[in-house]
N, C-alpha and C. Protein backbone atom coordinates (compact mmCIF):
# COMPACT_ATOMS: atom_id res chain seq x y z
N MET A 1 -0.57 25.07 -0.25
CA MET A 1 -0.86 23.47 -0.50
C MET A 1 -2.13 23.04 -1.25
N GLY A 2 -2.30 21.74 -2.02
CA GLY A 2 -3.26 21.55 -2.57
C GLY A 2 -3.69 20.26 -2.83
N ARG A 3 -4.41 20.07 -4.08
CA ARG A 3 -4.67 18.46 -4.21
C ARG A 3 -3.55 17.30 -3.87
N ILE A 4 -3.61 16.60 -3.38
CA ILE A 4 -2.54 15.52 -2.79
C ILE A 4 -2.86 14.19 -3.80
N THR A 5 -1.64 14.03 -4.35
CA THR A 5 -1.41 12.82 -5.44
C THR A 5 -1.02 11.68 -4.27
N PHE A 6 -1.81 10.75 -4.32
CA PHE A 6 -1.46 9.58 -3.67
C PHE A 6 -1.05 8.43 -4.15
N ILE A 7 -0.15 7.77 -3.43
CA ILE A 7 0.66 6.79 -3.84
C ILE A 7 0.30 5.56 -3.06
N THR A 8 0.02 4.17 -3.49
CA THR A 8 -0.45 3.02 -2.97
C THR A 8 -0.02 1.81 -3.71
N ALA A 9 0.30 0.45 -3.02
CA ALA A 9 0.49 -0.59 -3.66
C ALA A 9 0.10 -1.67 -2.89
N PHE A 10 -0.29 -2.90 -3.67
CA PHE A 10 -0.58 -4.15 -3.52
C PHE A 10 0.25 -5.15 -3.89
N PHE A 11 0.86 -5.90 -2.94
CA PHE A 11 1.71 -6.81 -3.20
C PHE A 11 1.34 -8.49 -2.70
N ASP A 12 1.37 -9.28 -3.51
CA ASP A 12 0.96 -10.83 -2.68
C ASP A 12 2.05 -11.29 -1.82
N ILE A 13 1.51 -11.22 -0.76
CA ILE A 13 2.83 -11.72 0.18
C ILE A 13 2.16 -13.01 0.99
N GLY A 14 1.24 -13.84 0.40
CA GLY A 14 0.80 -14.77 0.49
C GLY A 14 -0.29 -14.82 1.90
N ARG A 15 -0.92 -14.04 2.24
CA ARG A 15 -1.47 -13.57 3.36
C ARG A 15 -2.91 -14.47 3.73
N LYS A 16 -3.46 -14.79 2.59
CA LYS A 16 -4.38 -16.38 2.36
C LYS A 16 -4.17 -17.28 2.84
N GLN A 17 -2.71 -17.44 2.93
CA GLN A 17 -2.63 -18.84 3.72
C GLN A 17 -1.99 -18.64 5.28
N TRP A 18 -1.81 -17.57 5.85
CA TRP A 18 -1.32 -17.19 7.28
C TRP A 18 -2.61 -17.83 7.98
N SER A 19 -2.17 -18.60 9.04
CA SER A 19 -2.83 -19.06 10.26
C SER A 19 -3.23 -18.42 11.54
N GLU A 20 -2.15 -17.58 11.78
CA GLU A 20 -2.09 -16.65 13.28
C GLU A 20 -3.00 -15.62 13.08
N GLY A 21 -3.73 -15.69 14.33
CA GLY A 21 -4.85 -14.56 14.38
C GLY A 21 -5.48 -13.65 13.47
N ASN A 22 -5.76 -12.70 13.10
CA ASN A 22 -6.48 -11.81 12.23
C ASN A 22 -6.08 -11.34 11.07
N PHE A 23 -4.83 -12.12 10.85
CA PHE A 23 -4.11 -11.65 9.66
C PHE A 23 -4.31 -12.18 8.42
N SER A 24 -4.89 -13.39 8.11
CA SER A 24 -5.43 -13.81 7.15
C SER A 24 -6.31 -13.24 6.32
N ARG A 25 -5.89 -12.96 4.89
CA ARG A 25 -7.10 -12.12 4.17
C ARG A 25 -6.38 -12.40 2.90
N SER A 26 -7.78 -12.43 2.08
CA SER A 26 -7.26 -12.76 0.34
C SER A 26 -7.23 -11.60 -0.39
N ASN A 27 -6.17 -12.06 -1.54
CA ASN A 27 -5.88 -10.78 -2.37
C ASN A 27 -7.31 -10.45 -3.07
N ASP A 28 -8.61 -10.70 -3.07
CA ASP A 28 -9.58 -10.21 -3.63
C ASP A 28 -10.40 -9.62 -2.23
N LYS A 29 -10.10 -9.97 -1.01
CA LYS A 29 -10.72 -8.86 -0.05
C LYS A 29 -9.65 -7.87 -0.15
N TYR A 30 -8.54 -7.53 -0.41
CA TYR A 30 -7.80 -6.57 -0.25
C TYR A 30 -8.47 -5.54 -1.51
N LEU A 31 -8.72 -6.15 -2.63
CA LEU A 31 -9.26 -5.44 -3.71
C LEU A 31 -10.43 -4.75 -3.05
N GLN A 32 -11.63 -5.66 -2.38
CA GLN A 32 -12.69 -4.82 -2.09
C GLN A 32 -12.31 -3.57 -1.28
N TYR A 33 -11.32 -3.93 -0.52
CA TYR A 33 -10.58 -2.53 0.45
C TYR A 33 -10.60 -1.51 -0.52
N PHE A 34 -9.79 -1.97 -1.35
CA PHE A 34 -9.15 -0.60 -2.29
C PHE A 34 -10.62 -0.14 -3.08
N GLU A 35 -11.42 -0.93 -3.47
CA GLU A 35 -12.63 -0.16 -3.93
C GLU A 35 -13.42 0.56 -3.40
N GLU A 36 -13.27 0.36 -2.05
CA GLU A 36 -14.35 1.09 -1.13
C GLU A 36 -14.01 2.32 -1.06
N TRP A 37 -12.66 2.79 -0.97
CA TRP A 37 -12.11 4.00 -1.09
C TRP A 37 -11.86 4.80 -2.34
N ALA A 38 -11.11 4.09 -3.20
CA ALA A 38 -10.27 4.22 -4.51
C ALA A 38 -11.53 4.55 -5.62
N SER A 39 -12.98 4.17 -5.28
CA SER A 39 -13.84 4.27 -6.09
C SER A 39 -14.46 5.74 -6.04
N VAL A 40 -14.24 6.09 -4.98
CA VAL A 40 -14.65 7.82 -4.47
C VAL A 40 -13.72 8.53 -4.32
N CYS A 41 -12.67 8.15 -4.31
CA CYS A 41 -11.47 9.27 -3.74
C CYS A 41 -11.00 10.14 -5.31
N GLY A 42 -11.82 11.32 -5.17
CA GLY A 42 -11.14 11.91 -6.58
C GLY A 42 -9.68 12.59 -6.72
N ASN A 43 -8.66 12.21 -6.12
CA ASN A 43 -7.47 12.27 -5.83
C ASN A 43 -6.59 11.61 -7.04
N ASP A 44 -5.50 12.24 -7.63
CA ASP A 44 -4.62 11.49 -8.60
C ASP A 44 -3.99 10.34 -7.98
N LEU A 45 -3.77 8.97 -8.67
CA LEU A 45 -3.50 7.75 -7.87
C LEU A 45 -2.37 7.24 -8.42
N ILE A 46 -1.22 6.76 -7.97
CA ILE A 46 -0.51 5.90 -8.80
C ILE A 46 -0.58 4.59 -7.65
N ILE A 47 -0.58 3.39 -8.30
CA ILE A 47 -0.71 2.04 -7.84
C ILE A 47 0.60 1.39 -8.15
N TYR A 48 1.16 0.55 -7.34
CA TYR A 48 2.31 -0.47 -7.70
C TYR A 48 1.51 -1.94 -7.46
N THR A 49 1.54 -2.96 -8.33
CA THR A 49 1.36 -4.25 -7.77
C THR A 49 2.07 -5.39 -8.58
N ASP A 50 1.98 -6.39 -7.91
CA ASP A 50 2.53 -7.59 -8.49
C ASP A 50 1.74 -8.43 -8.59
N VAL A 51 0.30 -8.19 -9.02
CA VAL A 51 -0.69 -9.44 -9.05
C VAL A 51 -1.13 -8.85 -10.27
N GLU A 52 -1.00 -9.26 -11.62
CA GLU A 52 -1.33 -9.02 -12.98
C GLU A 52 -2.45 -8.82 -13.06
N GLU A 53 -3.27 -9.64 -12.57
CA GLU A 53 -4.75 -9.48 -12.71
C GLU A 53 -5.46 -8.39 -12.19
N PHE A 54 -4.94 -7.92 -10.85
CA PHE A 54 -5.35 -6.69 -10.65
C PHE A 54 -5.21 -5.40 -11.18
N VAL A 55 -4.12 -5.44 -12.29
CA VAL A 55 -4.22 -4.01 -13.50
C VAL A 55 -5.44 -3.80 -13.91
N ASP A 56 -6.22 -4.73 -14.49
CA ASP A 56 -7.22 -4.11 -15.11
C ASP A 56 -8.53 -4.07 -14.27
N LYS A 57 -8.46 -4.75 -13.04
CA LYS A 57 -9.56 -4.72 -11.94
C LYS A 57 -9.38 -3.32 -11.63
N ILE A 58 -8.38 -2.86 -11.18
CA ILE A 58 -8.00 -1.58 -10.67
C ILE A 58 -8.31 -0.36 -11.54
N LYS A 59 -7.96 -0.57 -12.75
CA LYS A 59 -8.53 0.44 -13.41
C LYS A 59 -10.30 0.34 -13.88
N GLU A 60 -10.43 -0.49 -13.63
CA GLU A 60 -12.42 -0.48 -13.86
C GLU A 60 -12.94 0.04 -12.42
N ILE A 61 -12.21 -0.24 -11.33
CA ILE A 61 -12.78 0.38 -10.13
C ILE A 61 -12.69 2.19 -10.34
N ARG A 62 -11.36 2.49 -10.82
CA ARG A 62 -11.26 3.96 -11.23
C ARG A 62 -11.54 4.66 -12.25
N LYS A 63 -12.61 3.86 -12.97
CA LYS A 63 -12.80 4.37 -14.65
C LYS A 63 -13.77 5.67 -14.76
N ASN A 64 -14.45 5.63 -13.44
CA ASN A 64 -15.51 6.81 -13.06
C ASN A 64 -14.95 8.08 -12.50
N ILE A 65 -13.64 8.06 -12.30
CA ILE A 65 -13.10 9.03 -11.62
C ILE A 65 -12.12 9.70 -12.50
N SER A 66 -12.43 11.28 -12.45
CA SER A 66 -11.77 11.92 -13.82
C SER A 66 -10.23 12.26 -13.33
N ALA A 67 -9.92 11.94 -12.03
CA ALA A 67 -8.32 12.01 -11.55
C ALA A 67 -7.62 11.10 -12.59
N ARG A 68 -6.39 11.38 -12.34
CA ARG A 68 -5.09 10.75 -13.10
C ARG A 68 -5.05 9.15 -12.04
N THR A 69 -5.17 8.08 -13.04
CA THR A 69 -4.99 6.58 -12.58
C THR A 69 -3.55 6.36 -13.33
N GLU A 70 -2.58 5.82 -12.43
CA GLU A 70 -1.57 4.98 -13.16
C GLU A 70 -1.53 3.78 -12.50
N VAL A 71 -1.66 2.54 -13.00
CA VAL A 71 -1.46 0.73 -12.32
C VAL A 71 -0.07 0.71 -12.99
N ILE A 72 1.20 0.46 -12.27
CA ILE A 72 2.42 -0.12 -12.70
C ILE A 72 2.20 -1.70 -11.97
N TYR A 73 2.67 -2.74 -13.07
CA TYR A 73 2.77 -3.88 -12.78
C TYR A 73 4.18 -4.09 -12.63
N ILE A 74 4.70 -4.72 -11.67
CA ILE A 74 6.02 -5.18 -11.06
C ILE A 74 5.95 -6.53 -10.98
N LYS A 75 6.90 -7.15 -11.82
CA LYS A 75 6.87 -8.79 -11.76
C LYS A 75 7.44 -9.34 -10.39
N ASP A 76 8.40 -8.50 -10.17
CA ASP A 76 9.28 -9.05 -9.12
C ASP A 76 9.84 -7.70 -8.12
N ARG A 77 8.87 -7.86 -7.11
CA ARG A 77 8.99 -6.80 -5.86
C ARG A 77 10.33 -6.93 -5.62
N HIS A 78 10.90 -7.80 -5.63
CA HIS A 78 12.40 -8.00 -5.19
C HIS A 78 13.43 -7.05 -5.47
N VAL A 79 13.34 -6.85 -6.74
CA VAL A 79 14.17 -5.96 -7.51
C VAL A 79 14.20 -4.75 -7.11
N LEU A 80 13.03 -4.15 -6.35
CA LEU A 80 12.97 -2.72 -5.98
C LEU A 80 13.86 -2.15 -5.16
N ALA A 81 14.29 -3.15 -4.14
CA ALA A 81 15.35 -3.03 -3.13
C ALA A 81 16.04 -4.29 -2.81
N PRO A 82 16.80 -4.75 -3.42
CA PRO A 82 17.30 -6.14 -3.27
C PRO A 82 18.28 -6.16 -1.91
N GLU A 83 19.09 -5.25 -1.82
CA GLU A 83 19.81 -5.16 -0.56
C GLU A 83 19.02 -5.35 0.60
N VAL A 84 17.77 -4.51 0.92
CA VAL A 84 17.05 -4.35 2.02
C VAL A 84 16.36 -5.82 1.88
N PHE A 85 16.15 -6.63 1.05
CA PHE A 85 15.47 -7.98 1.24
C PHE A 85 16.22 -8.43 1.93
N SER A 86 17.50 -8.85 1.15
CA SER A 86 18.54 -9.53 1.85
C SER A 86 18.77 -9.44 3.12
N ALA A 87 19.01 -8.09 3.69
CA ALA A 87 19.27 -7.87 5.14
C ALA A 87 17.76 -7.90 6.06
N ILE A 88 17.12 -7.96 5.59
CA ILE A 88 15.33 -8.16 6.32
C ILE A 88 15.45 -10.00 6.38
N SER A 89 15.70 -10.61 5.19
CA SER A 89 15.53 -11.98 5.34
C SER A 89 16.76 -12.84 6.08
N SER A 90 17.82 -11.86 6.53
CA SER A 90 18.71 -12.67 7.33
C SER A 90 18.59 -12.63 8.79
N VAL A 91 17.36 -11.94 9.10
CA VAL A 91 17.06 -11.81 10.71
C VAL A 91 16.72 -13.21 11.29
N ASN A 92 17.31 -13.27 12.60
CA ASN A 92 16.94 -14.70 13.04
C ASN A 92 15.41 -14.37 13.89
N ILE A 93 14.56 -14.98 13.22
CA ILE A 93 13.13 -14.93 13.79
C ILE A 93 13.06 -15.52 14.97
N SER A 94 13.46 -16.62 15.06
CA SER A 94 13.05 -17.22 16.92
C SER A 94 13.76 -16.45 17.61
N ARG A 95 14.89 -15.91 17.49
CA ARG A 95 15.39 -14.81 18.65
C ARG A 95 15.08 -13.60 18.70
N MET A 96 14.34 -13.04 17.47
CA MET A 96 13.78 -11.77 17.35
C MET A 96 12.25 -11.98 18.18
N GLN A 97 11.97 -13.16 18.16
CA GLN A 97 10.37 -13.54 18.98
C GLN A 97 10.68 -13.73 20.40
N ALA A 98 11.62 -13.90 21.12
CA ALA A 98 11.97 -13.89 22.38
C ALA A 98 11.86 -12.34 22.81
N TYR A 99 11.86 -11.49 22.08
CA TYR A 99 11.95 -9.93 22.73
C TYR A 99 10.73 -9.25 22.32
N ARG A 100 9.59 -10.04 21.89
CA ARG A 100 8.47 -9.31 21.40
C ARG A 100 7.26 -9.89 22.14
N LEU A 101 6.55 -8.46 22.55
CA LEU A 101 4.99 -9.08 23.59
C LEU A 101 4.34 -9.89 22.56
N LEU A 102 4.13 -9.67 21.12
CA LEU A 102 3.41 -10.63 20.23
C LEU A 102 4.09 -11.27 19.46
N PRO A 103 4.95 -12.27 19.58
CA PRO A 103 5.83 -13.05 18.58
C PRO A 103 5.35 -13.43 17.79
N ASN A 104 4.11 -13.76 17.30
CA ASN A 104 3.61 -14.35 16.16
C ASN A 104 2.83 -13.51 15.08
N ASN A 105 3.09 -11.78 15.40
CA ASN A 105 2.94 -10.99 14.75
C ASN A 105 3.41 -10.93 13.31
N PRO A 106 2.88 -10.53 12.23
CA PRO A 106 3.30 -10.68 11.00
C PRO A 106 4.61 -9.85 10.92
N GLU A 107 4.89 -8.48 11.55
CA GLU A 107 6.15 -8.03 11.44
C GLU A 107 7.34 -8.69 12.54
N VAL A 108 6.99 -9.76 13.20
CA VAL A 108 8.10 -10.51 13.77
C VAL A 108 8.45 -11.73 12.97
N VAL A 109 7.74 -12.35 12.53
CA VAL A 109 7.70 -13.68 11.68
C VAL A 109 7.96 -13.76 10.31
N ASN A 110 7.44 -12.38 9.48
CA ASN A 110 7.50 -12.60 8.20
C ASN A 110 8.20 -11.49 7.29
N TYR A 111 9.19 -12.12 6.54
CA TYR A 111 10.27 -11.43 5.99
C TYR A 111 9.44 -10.63 4.94
N GLU A 112 8.91 -11.15 4.34
CA GLU A 112 8.15 -10.54 2.94
C GLU A 112 7.02 -9.28 3.54
N TYR A 113 5.96 -9.52 4.77
CA TYR A 113 5.49 -8.46 5.27
C TYR A 113 6.53 -7.13 5.47
N ASN A 114 7.58 -7.55 6.22
CA ASN A 114 8.52 -6.52 6.81
C ASN A 114 9.25 -5.49 5.31
N TYR A 115 9.40 -6.27 4.41
CA TYR A 115 9.83 -6.22 3.09
C TYR A 115 8.84 -4.98 2.52
N VAL A 116 7.47 -5.25 2.19
CA VAL A 116 6.61 -4.63 1.65
C VAL A 116 6.12 -3.47 2.38
N MET A 117 6.25 -3.42 3.54
CA MET A 117 5.96 -2.36 4.45
C MET A 117 7.40 -1.16 4.20
N MET A 118 8.48 -1.71 4.48
CA MET A 118 9.50 -0.71 3.99
C MET A 118 9.29 -0.15 2.54
N LEU A 119 9.06 -1.09 1.48
CA LEU A 119 8.75 -0.48 0.16
C LEU A 119 7.94 0.73 0.03
N LYS A 120 7.25 1.22 1.18
CA LYS A 120 6.25 2.56 0.79
C LYS A 120 6.99 3.40 0.68
N HIS A 121 8.35 3.56 1.39
CA HIS A 121 9.23 4.81 1.31
C HIS A 121 9.79 4.65 -0.40
N VAL A 122 10.37 3.69 -0.67
CA VAL A 122 10.69 3.18 -1.80
C VAL A 122 9.86 3.68 -3.31
N LEU A 123 8.84 3.47 -2.85
CA LEU A 123 7.66 3.63 -3.99
C LEU A 123 7.25 5.25 -3.84
N VAL A 124 7.21 5.67 -2.79
CA VAL A 124 7.10 6.87 -2.95
C VAL A 124 7.91 7.70 -4.09
N LEU A 125 9.07 7.41 -3.60
CA LEU A 125 10.17 8.27 -4.09
C LEU A 125 10.20 7.55 -5.69
N LYS A 126 10.03 6.28 -5.85
CA LYS A 126 9.92 6.03 -7.25
C LYS A 126 8.79 6.98 -8.31
N ALA A 127 7.62 6.88 -7.57
CA ALA A 127 6.52 7.34 -8.15
C ALA A 127 7.08 8.95 -8.38
N VAL A 128 7.69 9.54 -7.47
CA VAL A 128 8.11 11.05 -7.65
C VAL A 128 9.25 11.10 -8.85
N ASP A 129 9.94 10.18 -9.16
CA ASP A 129 11.01 10.31 -10.19
C ASP A 129 10.23 9.61 -11.45
N ASP A 130 9.87 8.52 -11.33
CA ASP A 130 8.98 8.07 -12.75
C ASP A 130 7.78 8.73 -13.28
N PHE A 131 7.25 9.70 -12.42
CA PHE A 131 6.09 10.39 -13.04
C PHE A 131 6.47 12.11 -12.69
N LYS A 132 7.14 12.42 -12.58
CA LYS A 132 7.68 13.65 -12.54
C LYS A 132 6.87 14.76 -11.50
N LEU A 133 6.58 13.79 -10.07
CA LEU A 133 5.69 14.58 -9.51
C LEU A 133 6.33 16.04 -8.70
N VAL A 134 5.41 16.74 -8.50
CA VAL A 134 5.73 17.93 -7.86
C VAL A 134 4.42 18.17 -6.99
N GLY A 135 4.53 18.94 -6.03
CA GLY A 135 3.47 19.30 -4.98
C GLY A 135 3.34 18.30 -3.82
N ASP A 136 2.00 18.12 -3.81
CA ASP A 136 1.60 17.51 -2.60
C ASP A 136 1.44 16.00 -2.83
N ILE A 137 2.05 15.18 -2.18
CA ILE A 137 2.30 13.66 -2.39
C ILE A 137 2.11 12.97 -0.90
N GLY A 138 1.31 11.84 -0.97
CA GLY A 138 1.09 11.18 0.15
C GLY A 138 0.97 9.69 -0.19
N TRP A 139 1.37 9.07 0.80
CA TRP A 139 1.13 7.34 0.61
C TRP A 139 -0.30 7.26 1.49
N ILE A 140 -1.03 6.47 0.99
CA ILE A 140 -2.13 5.70 1.07
C ILE A 140 -2.05 4.18 0.91
N ASP A 141 -2.38 3.58 2.35
CA ASP A 141 -2.29 1.86 2.28
C ASP A 141 -3.57 1.59 1.49
N PHE A 142 -3.42 0.54 0.65
CA PHE A 142 -4.23 -0.26 -0.50
C PHE A 142 -5.34 -0.51 -0.05
N GLY A 143 -5.56 -1.03 1.53
CA GLY A 143 -6.64 -1.65 2.34
C GLY A 143 -7.01 -0.67 3.20
N VAL A 144 -6.76 0.50 3.14
CA VAL A 144 -7.13 1.72 4.34
C VAL A 144 -8.22 1.30 4.89
N SER A 145 -9.23 1.06 4.18
CA SER A 145 -10.64 0.97 4.69
C SER A 145 -11.18 -0.08 5.54
N HIS A 146 -9.85 -1.12 5.77
CA HIS A 146 -10.15 -2.24 6.62
C HIS A 146 -9.87 -1.35 8.04
N VAL A 147 -9.59 -0.34 8.13
CA VAL A 147 -8.89 0.26 9.30
C VAL A 147 -9.74 1.72 9.71
N THR A 148 -10.15 2.28 8.49
CA THR A 148 -10.76 3.41 8.71
C THR A 148 -12.58 3.20 8.61
N GLY A 149 -12.74 2.12 7.80
CA GLY A 149 -14.24 1.99 7.60
C GLY A 149 -14.76 2.32 6.30
N THR A 150 -15.99 2.37 5.83
CA THR A 150 -16.31 2.73 4.45
C THR A 150 -16.88 3.92 4.52
N ASP A 151 -17.07 4.70 5.02
CA ASP A 151 -17.55 6.16 5.16
C ASP A 151 -17.07 6.87 3.88
N ILE A 152 -17.73 7.15 2.96
CA ILE A 152 -17.38 7.85 1.90
C ILE A 152 -17.02 9.23 2.44
N GLU A 153 -17.40 10.10 2.78
CA GLU A 153 -16.76 11.21 3.48
C GLU A 153 -15.57 11.22 3.87
N LEU A 154 -14.86 10.21 4.34
CA LEU A 154 -13.60 10.17 4.76
C LEU A 154 -12.59 10.38 3.81
N TYR A 155 -12.70 9.56 2.47
CA TYR A 155 -12.17 10.13 1.35
C TYR A 155 -12.29 11.08 0.50
N GLU A 156 -13.55 11.39 0.82
CA GLU A 156 -14.04 12.61 -0.32
C GLU A 156 -13.29 14.02 0.28
N SER A 157 -13.19 14.02 1.55
CA SER A 157 -12.95 15.19 2.13
C SER A 157 -11.60 15.36 2.37
N ALA A 158 -10.72 14.13 1.77
CA ALA A 158 -9.29 14.38 2.12
C ALA A 158 -8.37 14.55 0.93
N LEU A 159 -9.08 15.33 -0.06
CA LEU A 159 -8.88 15.81 -1.18
C LEU A 159 -7.60 16.89 -0.91
N GLU A 160 -7.83 17.87 -0.24
CA GLU A 160 -6.93 19.26 -0.03
C GLU A 160 -6.24 18.92 1.43
N ASN A 161 -4.89 19.54 1.33
CA ASN A 161 -4.13 19.41 2.42
C ASN A 161 -3.67 21.07 2.06
N GLU A 162 -4.57 21.64 3.49
CA GLU A 162 -4.56 23.04 3.68
C GLU A 162 -3.52 23.83 4.51
N ARG A 163 -2.69 22.57 5.32
CA ARG A 163 -1.96 23.14 6.10
C ARG A 163 -0.58 22.99 5.58
N ASN A 164 0.34 23.31 6.21
CA ASN A 164 1.91 23.35 5.95
C ASN A 164 2.44 22.14 6.46
N LYS A 165 1.59 20.88 6.83
CA LYS A 165 2.30 19.87 7.48
C LYS A 165 2.57 18.66 6.66
N VAL A 166 3.02 17.72 7.53
CA VAL A 166 2.92 16.51 6.77
C VAL A 166 1.72 15.73 7.21
N THR A 167 1.04 15.18 6.07
CA THR A 167 -0.27 14.14 6.48
C THR A 167 -0.22 12.95 6.19
N LEU A 168 -0.54 11.95 7.23
CA LEU A 168 -0.22 10.31 6.98
C LEU A 168 -1.65 9.99 6.65
N PHE A 169 -1.71 8.95 5.55
CA PHE A 169 -3.04 8.44 5.34
C PHE A 169 -2.70 7.04 5.47
N THR A 170 -2.73 6.73 6.74
CA THR A 170 -2.15 4.96 7.07
C THR A 170 -2.97 4.13 7.70
């Protein structure tokens, strides 16, 4: 095993307008989370986004990293898996809420949230195909530092995968 190529994405699903609980965050807040880890992470990184102004900002954040950085702008995320979005958006939210402990959480009430969560799998496969990736590949959430914190060592020491295991970075 060796260096891991990370794949991540940021899609604007309108979180700034969410009013329930602690789930509201601006796009700029996510860019700040990204900068906390991506500016020190020395791994190759492939980033997908539907926020056009993020493309240059992401490149700027990674400019001092010698590892490969690919930023892919996707104008319409729904073309990535249209059948899945159609299926997800056909779910009856109020019926589903009746069976949930936290009925107002995003994974219950927001189709776009569920769709972009599912896109993680689609984008890893897309990156493998589009960039002919081989070796160790992992997903890392764009805003992972809002959960893990800003300790630089968390990201500097995750460069190698020494075990023949699956490593999750979520």
